[in-house]
Structure formats: structure tokens, C-alpha cells
């Protein structure tokens, strides 16, 4: 009788078996923070990719989960420092401070220096700032 009443009203009665819980795949584990060795290794790869010979100065992790890795860097006559900041969890490179510059010999730098003590031919004071009160001494 129930079947006829449900057909007459246009309703369909479905019966299902017991509810089965399908387990979801395991959630991704939280990323692990970089270790000191991993941060230094990643920094050395970046330093070498720039063509530098690198010597580690220091590496430390800040309170805001950033690894600061600092190197002395050399390339031929050029020398300086390379500071790299990495996110401790994503391992992304956040900041680069690259101060590697070629150093010439002192006498070459002195020869190339352009100052106003001469006019470029080795004569006089050149176009530099006037000394004294010559304007008023006419």
C-alpha cells in the first residue's frame, strides 16, 4: 500500500545501504624548515651559479623564518660579498645583496681619476671651483 501511495504522489523512495566513510588521502605534512646545512648548500649553489668562488662568512636563521647566508665572493680580480636571504620553509630566494667589484691597482686608479686640479692637459686649475676672492679683487 505504501508503494502505491508513493507512486500516486510522484515521489520516488530510494533506499541505500549503510553510509560508508571513504577516507580522504592523508593531508600533506607541514613543510619542514631548512636546516643550517641545507641553507648553506643552497647559498653555495646560488653563489657558484654567478661564477664566484665562495667562502662562507656566516649563516643564521632569524625570528621571522628567514635564513641569512653571507659569503665572501671572488671572481678573478673582483672581490666582495654576497648576502642571500631564503624563506626557511618555501626555500625561495627572497633577497640578494651582491657587492662583488673589480679592484684595480692604486696607481691605475690614480691615473684615471678625474679631478679639477688641472684642465686635462696638466696645466693650471682647470674648471674647478675658484679659490679666493679673485672676482672682487679686480
Foldseek 3Di string as FASTA:
>chain_A
DVVVVCVVVVHDDDDDDDDDDDDDPDPDDQFDFDDPVRLQVVVVVVLVVVVWDWDWPDWDADPQQKIWTKTWTDHVQWTDIWIWIARRGVRDTDDIDDDIDHDDDPVVVVVPDDDQCACVVPDHRHPDDDDDDPVVPD
